[in-house]
Amino acid sequence: MHVHGANIQDRDGGKLPLKGSRRHYPFVTRVFADGGYAGRLVGWAADKTHITLEIIRRGAHARAFEVLPRRWIVERTFAWIFKNRRLVRDYEQLTAVAETLITIAASATLLRRWP
């Protein structure tokens, strides 16, 4: 996970997590992303990190809500994390604080679901 400011485009900010994931999780070979990550990042990921970046797009005919493959998993995870009241709004001045709070929220979610 990497939190950055809103002045950085998704496709530009996606390089750092891809590099980090390759270093820490070398067995990951495919990453699913939404349309915000399309473009040159797909080629960069294949060349530099040897990760296949698969863009999940809405159908051209879609007019209303449509469940997209793999994307619902990300949205569900965001819903679990945002159950923590502190993360409902972005109050943090530092991105490191936001990253830490997200890690704590995700850890708490995992611990609650532990059998």
PDB file of N, CA and C in Angstrom:
ATOM      1  N   MET A   1       0.844  -1.165   0.000  1.00  0.00           N
ATOM      2  CA  MET A   1       0.000   0.000   0.000  1.00  0.00           C
ATOM      3  C   MET A   1       0.891   1.230   0.000  1.00  0.00           C
ATOM      4  N   HIS A   2       0.451   2.226  -0.731  1.00  0.00           N
ATOM      5  CA  HIS A   2       1.163   3.495  -0.764  1.00  0.00           C
ATOM      6  C   HIS A   2       0.139   4.610  -0.914  1.00  0.00           C
ATOM      7  N   VAL A   3       0.173   5.567  -0.013  1.00  0.00           N
ATOM      8  CA  VAL A   3      -0.721   6.722  -0.061  1.00  0.00           C
ATOM      9  C   VAL A   3       0.075   7.901  -0.593  1.00  0.00           C
ATOM     10  N   HIS A   4      -0.491   8.603  -1.568  1.00  0.00           N
ATOM     11  CA  HIS A   4       0.160   9.801  -2.086  1.00  0.00           C
ATOM     12  C   HIS A   4      -0.862  10.916  -2.209  1.00  0.00           C
ATOM     13  N   GLY A   5      -0.383  12.100  -2.467  1.00  0.00           N
ATOM     14  CA  GLY A   5      -1.250  13.269  -2.561  1.00  0.00           C
ATOM     15  C   GLY A   5      -2.157  13.204  -3.778  1.00  0.00           C
ATOM     16  N   ALA A   6      -3.198  14.016  -3.782  1.00  0.00           N
ATOM     17  CA  ALA A   6      -4.162  14.022  -4.873  1.00  0.00           C
ATOM     18  C   ALA A   6      -3.605  14.675  -6.128  1.00  0.00           C
ATOM     19  N   ASN A   7      -2.437  15.312  -6.030  1.00  0.00           N
ATOM     20  CA  ASN A   7      -1.849  15.955  -7.196  1.00  0.00           C
ATOM     21  C   ASN A   7      -1.077  14.971  -8.084  1.00  0.00           C
ATOM     22  N   ILE A   8      -1.067  13.691  -7.740  1.00  0.00           N
ATOM     23  CA  ILE A   8      -0.379  12.669  -8.523  1.00  0.00           C
ATOM     24  C   ILE A   8      -1.422  11.773  -9.182  1.00  0.00           C
ATOM     25  N   GLN A   9      -1.314  11.609 -10.483  1.00  0.00           N
ATOM     26  CA  GLN A   9      -2.233  10.744 -11.225  1.00  0.00           C
ATOM     27  C   GLN A   9      -2.071   9.297 -10.765  1.00  0.00           C
ATOM     28  N   ASP A  10      -3.129   8.515 -10.851  1.00  0.00           N
ATOM     29  CA  ASP A  10      -3.074   7.104 -10.455  1.00  0.00           C
ATOM     30  C   ASP A  10      -1.997   6.354 -11.220  1.00  0.00           C
ATOM     31  N   ARG A  11      -1.947   6.555 -12.529  1.00  0.00           N
ATOM     32  CA  ARG A  11      -0.988   5.799 -13.332  1.00  0.00           C
ATOM     33  C   ARG A  11       0.455   6.175 -13.012  1.00  0.00           C
ATOM     34  N   ASP A  12       0.695   7.392 -12.538  1.00  0.00           N
ATOM     35  CA  ASP A  12       2.047   7.786 -12.126  1.00  0.00           C
ATOM     36  C   ASP A  12       2.363   7.263 -10.728  1.00  0.00           C
ATOM     37  N   GLY A  13       1.385   7.294  -9.854  1.00  0.00           N
ATOM     38  CA  GLY A  13       1.579   6.821  -8.489  1.00  0.00           C
ATOM     39  C   GLY A  13       1.594   5.309  -8.376  1.00  0.00           C
ATOM     40  N   GLY A  14       1.190   4.607  -9.417  1.00  0.00           N
ATOM     41  CA  GLY A  14       1.152   3.153  -9.379  1.00  0.00           C
ATOM     42  C   GLY A  14       2.510   2.486  -9.474  1.00  0.00           C
ATOM     43  N   LYS A  15       3.535   3.227  -9.887  1.00  0.00           N
ATOM     44  CA  LYS A  15       4.859   2.625 -10.064  1.00  0.00           C
ATOM     45  C   LYS A  15       5.479   2.190  -8.739  1.00  0.00           C
ATOM     46  N   LEU A  16       5.381   3.012  -7.727  1.00  0.00           N
ATOM     47  CA  LEU A  16       6.009   2.695  -6.443  1.00  0.00           C
ATOM     48  C   LEU A  16       5.432   1.424  -5.798  1.00  0.00           C
ATOM     49  N   PRO A  17       4.108   1.267  -5.723  1.00  0.00           N
ATOM     50  CA  PRO A  17       3.592   0.013  -5.147  1.00  0.00           C
ATOM     51  C   PRO A  17       3.939  -1.218  -5.993  1.00  0.00           C
ATOM     52  N   LEU A  18       3.989  -1.053  -7.305  1.00  0.00           N
ATOM     53  CA  LEU A  18       4.354  -2.188  -8.147  1.00  0.00           C
ATOM     54  C   LEU A  18       5.798  -2.613  -7.900  1.00  0.00           C
ATOM     55  N   LYS A  19       6.698  -1.638  -7.793  1.00  0.00           N
ATOM     56  CA  LYS A  19       8.100  -1.961  -7.481  1.00  0.00           C
ATOM     57  C   LYS A  19       8.208  -2.636  -6.117  1.00  0.00           C
ATOM     58  N   GLY A  20       7.526  -2.090  -5.131  1.00  0.00           N
ATOM     59  CA  GLY A  20       7.573  -2.638  -3.780  1.00  0.00           C
ATOM     60  C   GLY A  20       6.981  -4.026  -3.692  1.00  0.00           C
ATOM     61  N   SER A  21       5.898  -4.249  -4.417  1.00  0.00           N
ATOM     62  CA  SER A  21       5.278  -5.571  -4.372  1.00  0.00           C
ATOM     63  C   SER A  21       6.179  -6.614  -5.012  1.00  0.00           C
ATOM     64  N   ARG A  22       6.921  -6.243  -6.013  1.00  0.00           N
ATOM     65  CA  ARG A  22       7.836  -7.170  -6.666  1.00  0.00           C
ATOM     66  C   ARG A  22       8.963  -7.564  -5.720  1.00  0.00           C
ATOM     67  N   ARG A  23       9.426  -6.603  -4.953  1.00  0.00           N
ATOM     68  CA  ARG A  23      10.515  -6.865  -4.011  1.00  0.00           C
ATOM     69  C   ARG A  23      10.052  -7.743  -2.850  1.00  0.00           C
ATOM     70  N   HIS A  24       8.875  -7.462  -2.311  1.00  0.00           N
ATOM     71  CA  HIS A  24       8.381  -8.188  -1.139  1.00  0.00           C
ATOM     72  C   HIS A  24       7.603  -9.459  -1.487  1.00  0.00           C
ATOM     73  N   TYR A  25       6.954  -9.470  -2.654  1.00  0.00           N
ATOM     74  CA  TYR A  25       6.126 -10.608  -3.058  1.00  0.00           C
ATOM     75  C   TYR A  25       6.502 -11.027  -4.476  1.00  0.00           C
ATOM     76  N   PRO A  26       7.645 -11.679  -4.660  1.00  0.00           N
ATOM     77  CA  PRO A  26       8.112 -12.005  -6.013  1.00  0.00           C
ATOM     78  C   PRO A  26       7.213 -13.005  -6.748  1.00  0.00           C
ATOM     79  N   PHE A  27       6.341 -13.697  -6.020  1.00  0.00           N
ATOM     80  CA  PHE A  27       5.465 -14.675  -6.650  1.00  0.00           C
ATOM     81  C   PHE A  27       4.250 -14.048  -7.326  1.00  0.00           C
ATOM     82  N   VAL A  28       3.992 -12.763  -7.094  1.00  0.00           N
ATOM     83  CA  VAL A  28       2.857 -12.085  -7.726  1.00  0.00           C
ATOM     84  C   VAL A  28       3.205 -11.815  -9.191  1.00  0.00           C
ATOM     85  N   THR A  29       2.369 -12.297 -10.087  1.00  0.00           N
ATOM     86  CA  THR A  29       2.634 -12.108 -11.515  1.00  0.00           C
ATOM     87  C   THR A  29       1.532 -11.325 -12.222  1.00  0.00           C
ATOM     88  N   ARG A  30       0.358 -11.180 -11.584  1.00  0.00           N
ATOM     89  CA  ARG A  30      -0.750 -10.465 -12.207  1.00  0.00           C
ATOM     90  C   ARG A  30      -1.410  -9.550 -11.190  1.00  0.00           C
ATOM     91  N   VAL A  31      -1.705  -8.330 -11.625  1.00  0.00           N
ATOM     92  CA  VAL A  31      -2.364  -7.337 -10.785  1.00  0.00           C
ATOM     93  C   VAL A  31      -3.571  -6.815 -11.554  1.00  0.00           C
ATOM     94  N   PHE A  32      -4.700  -6.715 -10.878  1.00  0.00           N
ATOM     95  CA  PHE A  32      -5.915  -6.177 -11.478  1.00  0.00           C
ATOM     96  C   PHE A  32      -6.057  -4.717 -11.069  1.00  0.00           C
ATOM     97  N   ALA A  33      -6.412  -3.853 -12.020  1.00  0.00           N
ATOM     98  CA  ALA A  33      -6.547  -2.420 -11.747  1.00  0.00           C
ATOM     99  C   ALA A  33      -7.726  -1.857 -12.529  1.00  0.00           C
ATOM    100  N   ASP A  34      -8.203  -0.682 -12.108  1.00  0.00           N
ATOM    101  CA  ASP A  34      -9.295  -0.052 -12.845  1.00  0.00           C
ATOM    102  C   ASP A  34      -8.735   0.834 -13.960  1.00  0.00           C
ATOM    103  N   GLY A  35      -9.629   1.480 -14.675  1.00  0.00           N
ATOM    104  CA  GLY A  35      -9.251   2.262 -15.849  1.00  0.00           C
ATOM    105  C   GLY A  35      -8.312   3.418 -15.575  1.00  0.00           C
ATOM    106  N   GLY A  36      -8.231   3.896 -14.343  1.00  0.00           N
ATOM    107  CA  GLY A  36      -7.328   4.992 -14.002  1.00  0.00           C
ATOM    108  C   GLY A  36      -5.862   4.627 -14.160  1.00  0.00           C
ATOM    109  N   TYR A  37      -5.569   3.345 -14.198  1.00  0.00           N
ATOM    110  CA  TYR A  37      -4.191   2.880 -14.319  1.00  0.00           C
ATOM    111  C   TYR A  37      -3.838   2.463 -15.744  1.00  0.00           C
ATOM    112  N   ALA A  38      -4.740   2.672 -16.685  1.00  0.00           N
ATOM    113  CA  ALA A  38      -4.483   2.289 -18.070  1.00  0.00           C
ATOM    114  C   ALA A  38      -3.456   3.228 -18.695  1.00  0.00           C
ATOM    115  N   GLY A  39      -2.903   2.799 -19.791  1.00  0.00           N
ATOM    116  CA  GLY A  39      -1.932   3.625 -20.508  1.00  0.00           C
ATOM    117  C   GLY A  39      -0.527   3.069 -20.403  1.00  0.00           C
ATOM    118  N   ARG A  40       0.431   3.969 -20.275  1.00  0.00           N
ATOM    119  CA  ARG A  40       1.838   3.568 -20.271  1.00  0.00           C
ATOM    120  C   ARG A  40       2.225   2.707 -19.079  1.00  0.00           C
ATOM    121  N   LEU A  41       1.475   2.774 -17.991  1.00  0.00           N
ATOM    122  CA  LEU A  41       1.808   1.985 -16.799  1.00  0.00           C
ATOM    123  C   LEU A  41       1.743   0.483 -17.091  1.00  0.00           C
ATOM    124  N   VAL A  42       0.858   0.061 -17.974  1.00  0.00           N
ATOM    125  CA  VAL A  42       0.729  -1.355 -18.306  1.00  0.00           C
ATOM    126  C   VAL A  42       2.033  -1.863 -18.924  1.00  0.00           C
ATOM    127  N   GLY A  43       2.568  -1.137 -19.886  1.00  0.00           N
ATOM    128  CA  GLY A  43       3.836  -1.510 -20.513  1.00  0.00           C
ATOM    129  C   GLY A  43       5.009  -1.398 -19.555  1.00  0.00           C
ATOM    130  N   TRP A  44       4.996  -0.345 -18.741  1.00  0.00           N
ATOM    131  CA  TRP A  44       6.073  -0.159 -17.760  1.00  0.00           C
ATOM    132  C   TRP A  44       6.099  -1.325 -16.772  1.00  0.00           C
ATOM    133  N   ALA A  45       4.936  -1.739 -16.298  1.00  0.00           N
ATOM    134  CA  ALA A  45       4.868  -2.845 -15.340  1.00  0.00           C
ATOM    135  C   ALA A  45       5.404  -4.134 -15.954  1.00  0.00           C
ATOM    136  N   ALA A  46       5.073  -4.376 -17.212  1.00  0.00           N
ATOM    137  CA  ALA A  46       5.548  -5.592 -17.867  1.00  0.00           C
ATOM    138  C   ALA A  46       7.061  -5.547 -18.073  1.00  0.00           C
ATOM    139  N   ASP A  47       7.601  -4.390 -18.463  1.00  0.00           N
ATOM    140  CA  ASP A  47       9.040  -4.264 -18.743  1.00  0.00           C
ATOM    141  C   ASP A  47       9.885  -4.237 -17.480  1.00  0.00           C
ATOM    142  N   LYS A  48       9.489  -3.431 -16.518  1.00  0.00           N
ATOM    143  CA  LYS A  48      10.339  -3.178 -15.348  1.00  0.00           C
ATOM    144  C   LYS A  48      10.119  -4.161 -14.196  1.00  0.00           C
ATOM    145  N   THR A  49       8.885  -4.602 -13.996  1.00  0.00           N
ATOM    146  CA  THR A  49       8.607  -5.453 -12.831  1.00  0.00           C
ATOM    147  C   THR A  49       8.189  -6.868 -13.209  1.00  0.00           C
ATOM    148  N   HIS A  50       7.973  -7.119 -14.513  1.00  0.00           N
ATOM    149  CA  HIS A  50       7.525  -8.427 -15.004  1.00  0.00           C
ATOM    150  C   HIS A  50       6.197  -8.835 -14.368  1.00  0.00           C
ATOM    151  N   ILE A  51       5.347  -7.840 -14.145  1.00  0.00           N
ATOM    152  CA  ILE A  51       3.995  -8.058 -13.624  1.00  0.00           C
ATOM    153  C   ILE A  51       3.003  -7.705 -14.725  1.00  0.00           C
ATOM    154  N   THR A  52       2.027  -8.570 -14.945  1.00  0.00           N
ATOM    155  CA  THR A  52       0.972  -8.292 -15.912  1.00  0.00           C
ATOM    156  C   THR A  52      -0.092  -7.450 -15.231  1.00  0.00           C
ATOM    157  N   LEU A  53      -0.289  -6.241 -15.722  1.00  0.00           N
ATOM    158  CA  LEU A  53      -1.286  -5.329 -15.169  1.00  0.00           C
ATOM    159  C   LEU A  53      -2.538  -5.454 -16.028  1.00  0.00           C
ATOM    160  N   GLU A  54      -3.589  -6.063 -15.477  1.00  0.00           N
ATOM    161  CA  GLU A  54      -4.827  -6.282 -16.213  1.00  0.00           C
ATOM    162  C   GLU A  54      -5.842  -5.222 -15.813  1.00  0.00           C
ATOM    163  N   ILE A  55      -6.272  -4.435 -16.794  1.00  0.00           N
ATOM    164  CA  ILE A  55      -7.214  -3.342 -16.552  1.00  0.00           C
ATOM    165  C   ILE A  55      -8.637  -3.883 -16.646  1.00  0.00           C
ATOM    166  N   ILE A  56      -9.430  -3.677 -15.591  1.00  0.00           N
ATOM    167  CA  ILE A  56     -10.831  -4.096 -15.544  1.00  0.00           C
ATOM    168  C   ILE A  56     -11.678  -2.878 -15.903  1.00  0.00           C
ATOM    169  N   ARG A  57     -12.397  -2.972 -17.012  1.00  0.00           N
ATOM    170  CA  ARG A  57     -13.200  -1.844 -17.498  1.00  0.00           C
ATOM    171  C   ARG A  57     -14.689  -2.188 -17.480  1.00  0.00           C
ATOM    172  N   ARG A  58     -15.492  -1.142 -17.378  1.00  0.00           N
ATOM    173  CA  ARG A  58     -16.939  -1.305 -17.520  1.00  0.00           C
ATOM    174  C   ARG A  58     -17.254  -1.558 -18.984  1.00  0.00           C
ATOM    175  N   GLY A  59     -18.333  -2.253 -19.214  1.00  0.00           N
ATOM    176  CA  GLY A  59     -18.757  -2.498 -20.584  1.00  0.00           C
ATOM    177  C   GLY A  59     -19.196  -1.199 -21.254  1.00  0.00           C
ATOM    178  N   ALA A  60     -19.042  -1.100 -22.552  1.00  0.00           N
ATOM    179  CA  ALA A  60     -19.421   0.112 -23.292  1.00  0.00           C
ATOM    180  C   ALA A  60     -20.924   0.352 -23.231  1.00  0.00           C
ATOM    181  N   HIS A  61     -21.694  -0.709 -23.058  1.00  0.00           N
ATOM    182  CA  HIS A  61     -23.149  -0.610 -23.023  1.00  0.00           C
ATOM    183  C   HIS A  61     -23.697  -0.328 -21.624  1.00  0.00           C
ATOM    184  N   ALA A  62     -22.871  -0.304 -20.619  1.00  0.00           N
ATOM    185  CA  ALA A  62     -23.324  -0.157 -19.229  1.00  0.00           C
ATOM    186  C   ALA A  62     -23.863   1.253 -18.991  1.00  0.00           C
ATOM    187  N   ARG A  63     -25.057   1.330 -18.447  1.00  0.00           N
ATOM    188  CA  ARG A  63     -25.680   2.619 -18.136  1.00  0.00           C
ATOM    189  C   ARG A  63     -25.808   2.822 -16.634  1.00  0.00           C
ATOM    190  N   ALA A  64     -25.901   1.757 -15.892  1.00  0.00           N
ATOM    191  CA  ALA A  64     -26.094   1.830 -14.442  1.00  0.00           C
ATOM    192  C   ALA A  64     -24.999   0.999 -13.766  1.00  0.00           C
ATOM    193  N   PHE A  65     -25.220   0.710 -12.507  1.00  0.00           N
ATOM    194  CA  PHE A  65     -24.263  -0.088 -11.753  1.00  0.00           C
ATOM    195  C   PHE A  65     -24.083  -1.447 -12.403  1.00  0.00           C
ATOM    196  N   GLU A  66     -22.850  -1.877 -12.467  1.00  0.00           N
ATOM    197  CA  GLU A  66     -22.535  -3.176 -13.052  1.00  0.00           C
ATOM    198  C   GLU A  66     -21.430  -3.815 -12.218  1.00  0.00           C
ATOM    199  N   VAL A  67     -21.628  -5.057 -11.793  1.00  0.00           N
ATOM    200  CA  VAL A  67     -20.609  -5.764 -11.032  1.00  0.00           C
ATOM    201  C   VAL A  67     -19.515  -6.193 -11.998  1.00  0.00           C
ATOM    202  N   LEU A  68     -18.294  -5.764 -11.708  1.00  0.00           N
ATOM    203  CA  LEU A  68     -17.171  -6.092 -12.569  1.00  0.00           C
ATOM    204  C   LEU A  68     -16.333  -7.191 -11.933  1.00  0.00           C
ATOM    205  N   PRO A  69     -15.794  -8.098 -12.744  1.00  0.00           N
ATOM    206  CA  PRO A  69     -14.986  -9.169 -12.169  1.00  0.00           C
ATOM    207  C   PRO A  69     -13.764  -8.610 -11.452  1.00  0.00           C
ATOM    208  N   ARG A  70     -13.449  -9.156 -10.306  1.00  0.00           N
ATOM    209  CA  ARG A  70     -12.301  -8.808  -9.465  1.00  0.00           C
ATOM    210  C   ARG A  70     -12.425  -7.446  -8.777  1.00  0.00           C
ATOM    211  N   ARG A  71     -13.135  -6.513  -9.358  1.00  0.00           N
ATOM    212  CA  ARG A  71     -13.209  -5.177  -8.776  1.00  0.00           C
ATOM    213  C   ARG A  71     -14.039  -5.165  -7.499  1.00  0.00           C
ATOM    214  N   TRP A  72     -15.040  -6.013  -7.402  1.00  0.00           N
ATOM    215  CA  TRP A  72     -15.883  -6.046  -6.208  1.00  0.00           C
ATOM    216  C   TRP A  72     -15.073  -6.448  -4.993  1.00  0.00           C
ATOM    217  N   ILE A  73     -14.003  -7.212  -5.177  1.00  0.00           N
ATOM    218  CA  ILE A  73     -13.160  -7.614  -4.053  1.00  0.00           C
ATOM    219  C   ILE A  73     -12.491  -6.386  -3.445  1.00  0.00           C
ATOM    220  N   VAL A  74     -12.014  -5.493  -4.295  1.00  0.00           N
ATOM    221  CA  VAL A  74     -11.373  -4.264  -3.812  1.00  0.00           C
ATOM    222  C   VAL A  74     -12.391  -3.384  -3.107  1.00  0.00           C
ATOM    223  N   GLU A  75     -13.562  -3.221  -3.700  1.00  0.00           N
ATOM    224  CA  GLU A  75     -14.594  -2.384  -3.095  1.00  0.00           C
ATOM    225  C   GLU A  75     -15.043  -2.954  -1.746  1.00  0.00           C
ATOM    226  N   ARG A  76     -15.156  -4.265  -1.651  1.00  0.00           N
ATOM    227  CA  ARG A  76     -15.521  -4.909  -0.387  1.00  0.00           C
ATOM    228  C   ARG A  76     -14.454  -4.643   0.675  1.00  0.00           C
ATOM    229  N   THR A  77     -13.190  -4.721   0.287  1.00  0.00           N
ATOM    230  CA  THR A  77     -12.098  -4.464   1.227  1.00  0.00           C
ATOM    231  C   THR A  77     -12.123  -3.020   1.708  1.00  0.00           C
ATOM    232  N   PHE A  78     -12.373  -2.080   0.801  1.00  0.00           N
ATOM    233  CA  PHE A  78     -12.503  -0.680   1.212  1.00  0.00           C
ATOM    234  C   PHE A  78     -13.635  -0.510   2.210  1.00  0.00           C
ATOM    235  N   ALA A  79     -14.753  -1.187   1.986  1.00  0.00           N
ATOM    236  CA  ALA A  79     -15.881  -1.096   2.910  1.00  0.00           C
ATOM    237  C   ALA A  79     -15.491  -1.614   4.293  1.00  0.00           C
ATOM    238  N   TRP A  80     -14.753  -2.709   4.352  1.00  0.00           N
ATOM    239  CA  TRP A  80     -14.312  -3.243   5.645  1.00  0.00           C
ATOM    240  C   TRP A  80     -13.401  -2.254   6.352  1.00  0.00           C
ATOM    241  N   ILE A  81     -12.482  -1.646   5.614  1.00  0.00           N
ATOM    242  CA  ILE A  81     -11.522  -0.715   6.217  1.00  0.00           C
ATOM    243  C   ILE A  81     -12.232   0.545   6.701  1.00  0.00           C
ATOM    244  N   PHE A  82     -13.181   1.052   5.903  1.00  0.00           N
ATOM    245  CA  PHE A  82     -13.844   2.300   6.257  1.00  0.00           C
ATOM    246  C   PHE A  82     -14.884   2.150   7.357  1.00  0.00           C
ATOM    247  N   LYS A  83     -15.050   0.938   7.885  1.00  0.00           N
ATOM    248  CA  LYS A  83     -15.873   0.789   9.084  1.00  0.00           C
ATOM    249  C   LYS A  83     -15.207   1.483  10.270  1.00  0.00           C
ATOM    250  N   ASN A  84     -13.917   1.711  10.183  1.00  0.00           N
ATOM    251  CA  ASN A  84     -13.191   2.435  11.217  1.00  0.00           C
ATOM    252  C   ASN A  84     -13.461   3.925  11.035  1.00  0.00           C
ATOM    253  N   ARG A  85     -14.039   4.512  12.037  1.00  0.00           N
ATOM    254  CA  ARG A  85     -14.516   5.883  11.935  1.00  0.00           C
ATOM    255  C   ARG A  85     -13.433   6.872  11.529  1.00  0.00           C
ATOM    256  N   ARG A  86     -12.215   6.661  11.977  1.00  0.00           N
ATOM    257  CA  ARG A  86     -11.119   7.584  11.682  1.00  0.00           C
ATOM    258  C   ARG A  86     -10.819   7.665  10.186  1.00  0.00           C
ATOM    259  N   LEU A  87     -11.127   6.631   9.450  1.00  0.00           N
ATOM    260  CA  LEU A  87     -10.776   6.590   8.035  1.00  0.00           C
ATOM    261  C   LEU A  87     -11.905   7.046   7.110  1.00  0.00           C
ATOM    262  N   VAL A  88     -13.036   7.419   7.662  1.00  0.00           N
ATOM    263  CA  VAL A  88     -14.155   7.827   6.829  1.00  0.00           C
ATOM    264  C   VAL A  88     -13.829   9.104   6.056  1.00  0.00           C
ATOM    265  N   ARG A  89     -13.114  10.000   6.659  1.00  0.00           N
ATOM    266  CA  ARG A  89     -12.680  11.245   6.010  1.00  0.00           C
ATOM    267  C   ARG A  89     -11.167  11.328   6.056  1.00  0.00           C
ATOM    268  N   ASP A  90     -10.597  12.066   5.112  1.00  0.00           N
ATOM    269  CA  ASP A  90      -9.144  12.236   5.073  1.00  0.00           C
ATOM    270  C   ASP A  90      -8.755  13.462   5.894  1.00  0.00           C
ATOM    271  N   TYR A  91      -8.433  13.221   7.157  1.00  0.00           N
ATOM    272  CA  TYR A  91      -8.042  14.308   8.044  1.00  0.00           C
ATOM    273  C   TYR A  91      -6.526  14.421   8.178  1.00  0.00           C
ATOM    274  N   GLU A  92      -5.792  13.445   7.707  1.00  0.00           N
ATOM    275  CA  GLU A  92      -4.369  13.351   8.010  1.00  0.00           C
ATOM    276  C   GLU A  92      -3.557  14.385   7.227  1.00  0.00           C
ATOM    277  N   GLN A  93      -2.576  14.961   7.888  1.00  0.00           N
ATOM    278  CA  GLN A  93      -1.650  15.898   7.263  1.00  0.00           C
ATOM    279  C   GLN A  93      -0.523  15.161   6.553  1.00  0.00           C
ATOM    280  N   LEU A  94      -0.147  14.005   7.083  1.00  0.00           N
ATOM    281  CA  LEU A  94       0.970  13.243   6.537  1.00  0.00           C
ATOM    282  C   LEU A  94       0.472  11.931   5.933  1.00  0.00           C
ATOM    283  N   THR A  95       1.005  11.569   4.778  1.00  0.00           N
ATOM    284  CA  THR A  95       0.594  10.315   4.156  1.00  0.00           C
ATOM    285  C   THR A  95       1.043   9.107   4.974  1.00  0.00           C
ATOM    286  N   ALA A  96       2.139   9.225   5.709  1.00  0.00           N
ATOM    287  CA  ALA A  96       2.606   8.111   6.543  1.00  0.00           C
ATOM    288  C   ALA A  96       1.583   7.776   7.627  1.00  0.00           C
ATOM    289  N   VAL A  97       0.910   8.786   8.164  1.00  0.00           N
ATOM    290  CA  VAL A  97      -0.121   8.547   9.179  1.00  0.00           C
ATOM    291  C   VAL A  97      -1.304   7.815   8.542  1.00  0.00           C
ATOM    292  N   ALA A  98      -1.697   8.229   7.346  1.00  0.00           N
ATOM    293  CA  ALA A  98      -2.802   7.567   6.651  1.00  0.00           C
ATOM    294  C   ALA A  98      -2.458   6.103   6.368  1.00  0.00           C
ATOM    295  N   GLU A  99      -1.237   5.841   5.914  1.00  0.00           N
ATOM    296  CA  GLU A  99      -0.812   4.461   5.651  1.00  0.00           C
ATOM    297  C   GLU A  99      -0.856   3.623   6.928  1.00  0.00           C
ATOM    298  N   THR A 100      -0.399   4.184   8.031  1.00  0.00           N
ATOM    299  CA  THR A 100      -0.395   3.457   9.298  1.00  0.00           C
ATOM    300  C   THR A 100      -1.817   3.148   9.756  1.00  0.00           C
ATOM    301  N   LEU A 101      -2.715   4.108   9.647  1.00  0.00           N
ATOM    302  CA  LEU A 101      -4.104   3.883  10.066  1.00  0.00           C
ATOM    303  C   LEU A 101      -4.793   2.843   9.193  1.00  0.00           C
ATOM    304  N   ILE A 102      -4.491   2.834   7.907  1.00  0.00           N
ATOM    305  CA  ILE A 102      -5.063   1.819   7.022  1.00  0.00           C
ATOM    306  C   ILE A 102      -4.531   0.444   7.396  1.00  0.00           C
ATOM    307  N   THR A 103      -3.246   0.355   7.718  1.00  0.00           N
ATOM    308  CA  THR A 103      -2.656  -0.922   8.135  1.00  0.00           C
ATOM    309  C   THR A 103      -3.299  -1.420   9.420  1.00  0.00           C
ATOM    310  N   ILE A 104      -3.526  -0.524  10.368  1.00  0.00           N
ATOM    311  CA  ILE A 104      -4.174  -0.906  11.629  1.00  0.00           C
ATOM    312  C   ILE A 104      -5.597  -1.381  11.370  1.00  0.00           C
ATOM    313  N   ALA A 105      -6.327  -0.666  10.528  1.00  0.00           N
ATOM    314  CA  ALA A 105      -7.710  -1.044  10.225  1.00  0.00           C
ATOM    315  C   ALA A 105      -7.768  -2.397   9.523  1.00  0.00           C
ATOM    316  N   ALA A 106      -6.875  -2.633   8.580  1.00  0.00           N
ATOM    317  CA  ALA A 106      -6.855  -3.915   7.873  1.00  0.00           C
ATOM    318  C   ALA A 106      -6.477  -5.047   8.821  1.00  0.00           C
ATOM    319  N   SER A 107      -5.524  -4.791   9.708  1.00  0.00           N
ATOM    320  CA  SER A 107      -5.128  -5.809  10.689  1.00  0.00           C
ATOM    321  C   SER A 107      -6.275  -6.142  11.629  1.00  0.00           C
ATOM    322  N   ALA A 108      -6.988  -5.119  12.089  1.00  0.00           N
ATOM    323  CA  ALA A 108      -8.132  -5.343  12.986  1.00  0.00           C
ATOM    324  C   ALA A 108      -9.212  -6.159  12.274  1.00  0.00           C
ATOM    325  N   THR A 109      -9.432  -5.876  11.000  1.00  0.00           N
ATOM    326  CA  THR A 109     -10.416  -6.634  10.223  1.00  0.00           C
ATOM    327  C   THR A 109     -10.013  -8.095  10.112  1.00  0.00           C
ATOM    328  N   LEU A 110      -8.740  -8.334   9.842  1.00  0.00           N
ATOM    329  CA  LEU A 110      -8.258  -9.715   9.753  1.00  0.00           C
ATOM    330  C   LEU A 110      -8.385 -10.442  11.084  1.00  0.00           C
ATOM    331  N   LEU A 111      -8.061  -9.761  12.178  1.00  0.00           N
ATOM    332  CA  LEU A 111      -8.160 -10.379  13.484  1.00  0.00           C
ATOM    333  C   LEU A 111      -9.598 -10.711  13.869  1.00  0.00           C
ATOM    334  N   ARG A 112     -10.544  -9.846  13.492  1.00  0.00           N
ATOM    335  CA  ARG A 112     -11.959 -10.126  13.764  1.00  0.00           C
ATOM    336  C   ARG A 112     -12.435 -11.345  12.992  1.00  0.00           C
ATOM    337  N   ARG A 113     -11.877 -11.566  11.813  1.00  0.00           N
ATOM    338  CA  ARG A 113     -12.320 -12.672  10.967  1.00  0.00           C
ATOM    339  C   ARG A 113     -11.535 -13.963  11.234  1.00  0.00           C
ATOM    340  N   TRP A 114     -10.579 -13.922  12.130  1.00  0.00           N
ATOM    341  CA  TRP A 114      -9.790 -15.107  12.447  1.00  0.00           C
ATOM    342  C   TRP A 114     -10.679 -16.168  13.083  1.00  0.00           C
ATOM    343  N   PRO A 115     -10.577 -17.416  12.618  1.00  0.00           N
ATOM    344  CA  PRO A 115     -11.492 -18.446  13.150  1.00  0.00           C
ATOM    345  C   PRO A 115     -11.276 -18.785  14.590  1.00  0.00           C
TER     346      PRO A 115
END
